[in-house]
Amino acid sequence: MLTPILVVLHIIVSLILIMLILLKSGRGGGLSDMFGGGAITSMQGSTVVEKNLDRLTVVIGVLFGVTTIVLALRLV
């Protein structure tokens, strides 16, 4: 019963991680430029929103790694 719950959680976490990575503005910009983030960040540098987005991306990335390891151990 725990494995299907972990699989669903893993899929949700992976979709959130993809969304967060696409929202980050890299060297060439990102999807955040579509929402007006590119002009604001070029004038002000690193904003609080970007720092929070970075932190959230790291937390979700760690959660993705944990769910991957747990699923791998459960399926062996």
C-alpha atoms as a PDB file:
ATOM      1  CA  MET A   1       0.000   0.000   0.000  1.00  0.00           C
ATOM      2  CA  LEU A   2       2.920   2.348   0.654  1.00  0.00           C
ATOM      3  CA  THR A   3       4.502   1.926  -2.791  1.00  0.00           C
ATOM      4  CA  PRO A   4       1.605   3.414  -4.821  1.00  0.00           C
ATOM      5  CA  ILE A   5       1.487   6.403  -2.467  1.00  0.00           C
ATOM      6  CA  LEU A   6       5.235   6.913  -2.918  1.00  0.00           C
ATOM      7  CA  VAL A   7       4.903   6.676  -6.701  1.00  0.00           C
ATOM      8  CA  VAL A   8       2.161   9.322  -6.757  1.00  0.00           C
ATOM      9  CA  LEU A   9       4.208  11.553  -4.424  1.00  0.00           C
ATOM     10  CA  HIS A  10       7.264  11.062  -6.637  1.00  0.00           C
ATOM     11  CA  ILE A  11       5.337  12.072  -9.760  1.00  0.00           C
ATOM     12  CA  ILE A  12       3.931  15.186  -8.064  1.00  0.00           C
ATOM     13  CA  VAL A  13       7.364  16.195  -6.747  1.00  0.00           C
ATOM     14  CA  SER A  14       8.952  15.667 -10.164  1.00  0.00           C
ATOM     15  CA  LEU A  15       6.332  17.851 -11.886  1.00  0.00           C
ATOM     16  CA  ILE A  16       6.807  20.602  -9.295  1.00  0.00           C
ATOM     17  CA  LEU A  17      10.582  20.368  -9.757  1.00  0.00           C
ATOM     18  CA  ILE A  18      10.246  20.711 -13.539  1.00  0.00           C
ATOM     19  CA  MET A  19       8.002  23.743 -13.091  1.00  0.00           C
ATOM     20  CA  LEU A  20      10.402  25.416 -10.648  1.00  0.00           C
ATOM     21  CA  ILE A  21      13.416  24.847 -12.882  1.00  0.00           C
ATOM     22  CA  LEU A  22      11.595  26.303 -15.873  1.00  0.00           C
ATOM     23  CA  LEU A  23      10.608  29.375 -13.831  1.00  0.00           C
ATOM     24  CA  LYS A  24      14.196  30.130 -12.853  1.00  0.00           C
ATOM     25  CA  SER A  25      15.937  32.728 -14.986  1.00  0.00           C
ATOM     26  CA  GLY A  26      19.294  31.516 -16.198  1.00  0.00           C
ATOM     27  CA  ARG A  27      21.820  33.237 -18.402  1.00  0.00           C
ATOM     28  CA  GLY A  28      19.472  33.380 -21.352  1.00  0.00           C
ATOM     29  CA  GLY A  29      16.382  33.983 -19.242  1.00  0.00           C
ATOM     30  CA  GLY A  30      13.679  31.533 -18.432  1.00  0.00           C
ATOM     31  CA  LEU A  31       9.959  31.367 -18.351  1.00  0.00           C
ATOM     32  CA  SER A  32      10.097  34.048 -15.667  1.00  0.00           C
ATOM     33  CA  ASP A  33      10.971  36.523 -18.430  1.00  0.00           C
ATOM     34  CA  MET A  34       7.557  35.889 -19.934  1.00  0.00           C
ATOM     35  CA  PHE A  35       5.951  37.260 -16.786  1.00  0.00           C
ATOM     36  CA  GLY A  36       8.053  40.416 -16.683  1.00  0.00           C
ATOM     37  CA  GLY A  37      10.722  39.053 -14.381  1.00  0.00           C
ATOM     38  CA  GLY A  38      13.561  39.695 -16.814  1.00  0.00           C
ATOM     39  CA  ALA A  39      13.291  43.476 -16.833  1.00  0.00           C
ATOM     40  CA  ILE A  40      12.936  43.714 -13.077  1.00  0.00           C
ATOM     41  CA  THR A  41      15.833  41.393 -12.261  1.00  0.00           C
ATOM     42  CA  SER A  42      18.209  43.108 -14.669  1.00  0.00           C
ATOM     43  CA  MET A  43      17.656  46.417 -12.895  1.00  0.00           C
ATOM     44  CA  GLN A  44      17.637  45.232  -9.291  1.00  0.00           C
ATOM     45  CA  GLY A  45      19.920  42.208  -9.361  1.00  0.00           C
ATOM     46  CA  SER A  46      18.891  39.271  -7.205  1.00  0.00           C
ATOM     47  CA  THR A  47      15.475  39.770  -5.653  1.00  0.00           C
ATOM     48  CA  VAL A  48      13.869  38.132  -2.666  1.00  0.00           C
ATOM     49  CA  VAL A  49      11.554  36.221  -4.983  1.00  0.00           C
ATOM     50  CA  GLU A  50      14.511  34.700  -6.816  1.00  0.00           C
ATOM     51  CA  LYS A  51      16.207  33.721  -3.570  1.00  0.00           C
ATOM     52  CA  ASN A  52      13.025  32.069  -2.314  1.00  0.00           C
ATOM     53  CA  LEU A  53      12.602  30.314  -5.674  1.00  0.00           C
ATOM     54  CA  ASP A  54      16.170  29.022  -5.377  1.00  0.00           C
ATOM     55  CA  ARG A  55      15.551  27.740  -1.852  1.00  0.00           C
ATOM     56  CA  LEU A  56      12.286  26.083  -2.853  1.00  0.00           C
ATOM     57  CA  THR A  57      13.979  24.442  -5.838  1.00  0.00           C
ATOM     58  CA  VAL A  58      16.688  22.997  -3.576  1.00  0.00           C
ATOM     59  CA  VAL A  59      14.124  21.675  -1.079  1.00  0.00           C
ATOM     60  CA  ILE A  60      12.017  20.069  -3.816  1.00  0.00           C
ATOM     61  CA  GLY A  61      15.187  18.655  -5.416  1.00  0.00           C
ATOM     62  CA  VAL A  62      16.203  17.035  -2.132  1.00  0.00           C
ATOM     63  CA  LEU A  63      12.679  15.666  -1.708  1.00  0.00           C
ATOM     64  CA  PHE A  64      12.873  14.256  -5.243  1.00  0.00           C
ATOM     65  CA  GLY A  65      16.157  12.544  -4.384  1.00  0.00           C
ATOM     66  CA  VAL A  66      14.723  11.089  -1.180  1.00  0.00           C
ATOM     67  CA  THR A  67      11.638   9.714  -2.908  1.00  0.00           C
ATOM     68  CA  THR A  68      13.845   8.231  -5.646  1.00  0.00           C
ATOM     69  CA  ILE A  69      16.046   6.437  -3.115  1.00  0.00           C
ATOM     70  CA  VAL A  70      13.077   5.212  -1.067  1.00  0.00           C
ATOM     71  CA  LEU A  71      11.352   3.867  -4.176  1.00  0.00           C
ATOM     72  CA  ALA A  72      14.543   2.167  -5.322  1.00  0.00           C
ATOM     73  CA  LEU A  73      14.954   0.474  -1.952  1.00  0.00           C
ATOM     74  CA  ARG A  74      11.291  -0.594  -1.842  1.00  0.00           C
ATOM     75  CA  LEU A  75      11.364  -2.115  -5.318  1.00  0.00           C
ATOM     76  CA  VAL A  76      14.525  -4.175  -4.788  1.00  0.00           C
END
